[in-house]
Each structure stands twice: as C-alpha cells, then as structure tokens.
C-alpha cells in the first residue's frame, strides 16, 4: 500500500515562500498606486465611511437589541465576578486568627 501522507503542491501563490509572496505583493501594490487604482482613505473619508456603515447596521433593530443585550450580560457577569472575588478576600481576612500580643 502506498504512503498515505498528503503531498504539498509546488504550484500557486500559497506554495511560495513568504519572501517571494511579499515581493510579488509589493509589485502589485506599486503598480496599483502607479495606475491610480489604489486608494488610501483620509481621516475624513474614513469617518464618513464608518458613519455610513453604522447607519446601515443600526437600521436592523433586532440586531442592535441583541448587541445591547450581549453587552449587558457581559457587564453584569463581570460585576458579579468582581463581587465574588471581593467577598472571598474579605472572608479570608476574617477567618485568620488574630495574633496574640507579645508581652515584653
């Protein structure tokens, strides 16, 4: 029976070493900038794009409600955990026997 180990392909971009992939990608980036097809957002453009995305997602009220509910659950779980840790700490302090005074 032949060996059952899968062999890696030597074809394609993914099979190249990282340096070769990076060199090819850099050439593509330079070409895109040279031809004017590349676009870098200015801070103002990014703000506008983010606002549009936020408006689009906030139209779905059920989704927004689910997000809010999830945040509330996480916040209350964290508060309960902190309270439990504080209670453990105070219980340990009270369970320690008081030291006897040394008379000298």
C-alpha atoms as a PDB file:
ATOM      1  CA  UNK A   1       0.000   0.000   0.000  1.00  0.00           C
ATOM      2  CA  UNK A   2       1.495   3.417  -0.937  1.00  0.00           C
ATOM      3  CA  UNK A   3       2.303   6.076   1.634  1.00  0.00           C
ATOM      4  CA  UNK A   4      -0.910   7.908   2.653  1.00  0.00           C
ATOM      5  CA  UNK A   5       0.716  11.229   3.667  1.00  0.00           C
ATOM      6  CA  UNK A   6      -0.627  14.144   1.621  1.00  0.00           C
ATOM      7  CA  UNK A   7       1.956  15.899  -0.503  1.00  0.00           C
ATOM      8  CA  UNK A   8       2.131  19.656  -0.709  1.00  0.00           C
ATOM      9  CA  UNK A   9       1.621  21.172  -4.092  1.00  0.00           C
ATOM     10  CA  UNK A  10       4.513  23.112  -5.535  1.00  0.00           C
ATOM     11  CA  UNK A  11       2.171  25.232  -7.649  1.00  0.00           C
ATOM     12  CA  UNK A  12       0.485  28.516  -6.856  1.00  0.00           C
ATOM     13  CA  UNK A  13       0.994  31.578  -4.732  1.00  0.00           C
ATOM     14  CA  UNK A  14       0.344  29.825  -1.415  1.00  0.00           C
ATOM     15  CA  UNK A  15       3.130  27.311  -2.001  1.00  0.00           C
ATOM     16  CA  UNK A  16       5.775  30.034  -2.400  1.00  0.00           C
ATOM     17  CA  UNK A  17       7.988  31.067   0.468  1.00  0.00           C
ATOM     18  CA  UNK A  18       6.965  34.229   2.341  1.00  0.00           C
ATOM     19  CA  UNK A  19       9.701  36.427   0.887  1.00  0.00           C
ATOM     20  CA  UNK A  20       8.673  35.614  -2.673  1.00  0.00           C
ATOM     21  CA  UNK A  21       4.985  36.228  -1.853  1.00  0.00           C
ATOM     22  CA  UNK A  22       5.868  39.569  -0.247  1.00  0.00           C
ATOM     23  CA  UNK A  23       7.918  40.632  -3.300  1.00  0.00           C
ATOM     24  CA  UNK A  24       5.079  39.825  -5.693  1.00  0.00           C
ATOM     25  CA  UNK A  25       2.507  41.577  -3.495  1.00  0.00           C
ATOM     26  CA  UNK A  26       4.726  44.661  -3.254  1.00  0.00           C
ATOM     27  CA  UNK A  27       4.968  44.810  -7.050  1.00  0.00           C
ATOM     28  CA  UNK A  28       1.195  44.660  -7.265  1.00  0.00           C
ATOM     29  CA  UNK A  29       0.813  47.454  -4.727  1.00  0.00           C
ATOM     30  CA  UNK A  30       3.270  49.682  -6.552  1.00  0.00           C
ATOM     31  CA  UNK A  31       1.518  49.015  -9.860  1.00  0.00           C
ATOM     32  CA  UNK A  32      -1.894  49.849  -8.377  1.00  0.00           C
ATOM     33  CA  UNK A  33      -0.622  53.148  -6.993  1.00  0.00           C
ATOM     34  CA  UNK A  34       1.096  53.997 -10.281  1.00  0.00           C
ATOM     35  CA  UNK A  35      -2.072  53.362 -12.294  1.00  0.00           C
ATOM     36  CA  UNK A  36      -4.271  55.266  -9.828  1.00  0.00           C
ATOM     37  CA  UNK A  37      -6.375  52.245  -8.859  1.00  0.00           C
ATOM     38  CA  UNK A  38      -5.160  52.166  -5.256  1.00  0.00           C
ATOM     39  CA  UNK A  39      -6.995  54.305  -2.731  1.00  0.00           C
ATOM     40  CA  UNK A  40      -5.955  55.373   0.730  1.00  0.00           C
ATOM     41  CA  UNK A  41      -8.651  56.815   2.959  1.00  0.00           C
ATOM     42  CA  UNK A  42      -8.042  60.191   4.511  1.00  0.00           C
ATOM     43  CA  UNK A  43      -9.251  60.548   8.110  1.00  0.00           C
ATOM     44  CA  UNK A  44     -12.296  62.491   6.860  1.00  0.00           C
ATOM     45  CA  UNK A  45     -13.171  59.813   4.292  1.00  0.00           C
ATOM     46  CA  UNK A  46     -12.760  57.075   6.880  1.00  0.00           C
ATOM     47  CA  UNK A  47     -15.087  58.940   9.264  1.00  0.00           C
ATOM     48  CA  UNK A  48     -17.760  59.220   6.555  1.00  0.00           C
ATOM     49  CA  UNK A  49     -17.413  55.545   5.599  1.00  0.00           C
ATOM     50  CA  UNK A  50     -17.679  54.482   9.247  1.00  0.00           C
ATOM     51  CA  UNK A  51     -20.773  56.607   9.726  1.00  0.00           C
ATOM     52  CA  UNK A  52     -22.421  55.015   6.671  1.00  0.00           C
ATOM     53  CA  UNK A  53     -21.663  51.537   7.968  1.00  0.00           C
ATOM     54  CA  UNK A  54     -23.017  52.393  11.403  1.00  0.00           C
ATOM     55  CA  UNK A  55     -26.203  53.802   9.929  1.00  0.00           C
ATOM     56  CA  UNK A  56     -26.702  50.705   7.791  1.00  0.00           C
ATOM     57  CA  UNK A  57     -26.282  48.256  10.660  1.00  0.00           C
ATOM     58  CA  UNK A  58     -28.335  50.291  13.105  1.00  0.00           C
ATOM     59  CA  UNK A  59     -31.395  50.036  10.844  1.00  0.00           C
ATOM     60  CA  UNK A  60     -31.718  46.412  11.936  1.00  0.00           C
ATOM     61  CA  UNK A  61     -33.325  46.902  15.361  1.00  0.00           C
ATOM     62  CA  UNK A  62     -33.242  43.216  16.271  1.00  0.00           C
ATOM     63  CA  UNK A  63     -29.511  43.077  15.649  1.00  0.00           C
ATOM     64  CA  UNK A  64     -28.905  46.213  17.715  1.00  0.00           C
ATOM     65  CA  UNK A  65     -31.029  44.818  20.551  1.00  0.00           C
ATOM     66  CA  UNK A  66     -29.007  41.591  20.512  1.00  0.00           C
ATOM     67  CA  UNK A  67     -25.754  43.553  20.682  1.00  0.00           C
ATOM     68  CA  UNK A  68     -27.010  45.591  23.636  1.00  0.00           C
ATOM     69  CA  UNK A  69     -28.257  42.516  25.439  1.00  0.00           C
ATOM     70  CA  UNK A  70     -24.906  40.789  24.975  1.00  0.00           C
ATOM     71  CA  UNK A  71     -23.060  43.779  26.382  1.00  0.00           C
ATOM     72  CA  UNK A  72     -25.380  43.931  29.373  1.00  0.00           C
ATOM     73  CA  UNK A  73     -24.885  40.259  30.141  1.00  0.00           C
ATOM     74  CA  UNK A  74     -21.104  40.635  29.949  1.00  0.00           C
ATOM     75  CA  UNK A  75     -21.104  43.706  32.166  1.00  0.00           C
ATOM     76  CA  UNK A  76     -23.232  42.095  34.846  1.00  0.00           C
ATOM     77  CA  UNK A  77     -21.202  38.875  34.725  1.00  0.00           C
ATOM     78  CA  UNK A  78     -18.013  40.888  35.283  1.00  0.00           C
ATOM     79  CA  UNK A  79     -19.596  42.773  38.180  1.00  0.00           C
ATOM     80  CA  UNK A  80     -20.734  39.512  39.792  1.00  0.00           C
ATOM     81  CA  UNK A  81     -17.266  38.024  39.370  1.00  0.00           C
ATOM     82  CA  UNK A  82     -15.603  41.050  40.969  1.00  0.00           C
ATOM     83  CA  UNK A  83     -18.086  40.977  43.845  1.00  0.00           C
ATOM     84  CA  UNK A  84     -17.374  37.286  44.418  1.00  0.00           C
ATOM     85  CA  UNK A  85     -13.631  37.938  44.472  1.00  0.00           C
ATOM     86  CA  UNK A  86     -14.082  40.744  46.962  1.00  0.00           C
ATOM     87  CA  UNK A  87     -16.239  38.518  49.156  1.00  0.00           C
ATOM     88  CA  UNK A  88     -13.604  35.773  49.042  1.00  0.00           C
ATOM     89  CA  UNK A  89     -10.901  38.226  50.066  1.00  0.00           C
ATOM     90  CA  UNK A  90     -12.876  39.581  52.995  1.00  0.00           C
ATOM     91  CA  UNK A  91     -13.831  36.059  54.122  1.00  0.00           C
ATOM     92  CA  UNK A  92     -10.172  35.051  54.149  1.00  0.00           C
ATOM     93  CA  UNK A  93      -9.263  38.096  56.223  1.00  0.00           C
ATOM     94  CA  UNK A  94     -11.943  37.306  58.801  1.00  0.00           C
ATOM     95  CA  UNK A  95     -11.033  33.626  59.056  1.00  0.00           C
ATOM     96  CA  UNK A  96      -7.425  34.318  60.072  1.00  0.00           C
ATOM     97  CA  UNK A  97      -6.938  34.028  63.830  1.00  0.00           C
ATOM     98  CA  UNK A  98      -5.950  37.327  65.416  1.00  0.00           C
ATOM     99  CA  UNK A  99      -2.359  37.430  66.550  1.00  0.00           C
ATOM    100  CA  UNK A 100      -1.713  37.361  70.248  1.00  0.00           C
ATOM    101  CA  UNK A 101       0.061  40.373  71.585  1.00  0.00           C
ATOM    102  CA  UNK A 102       3.604  39.815  72.594  1.00  0.00           C
ATOM    103  CA  UNK A 103       4.292  40.980  76.070  1.00  0.00           C
ATOM    104  CA  UNK A 104       7.709  42.219  76.611  1.00  0.00           C
END
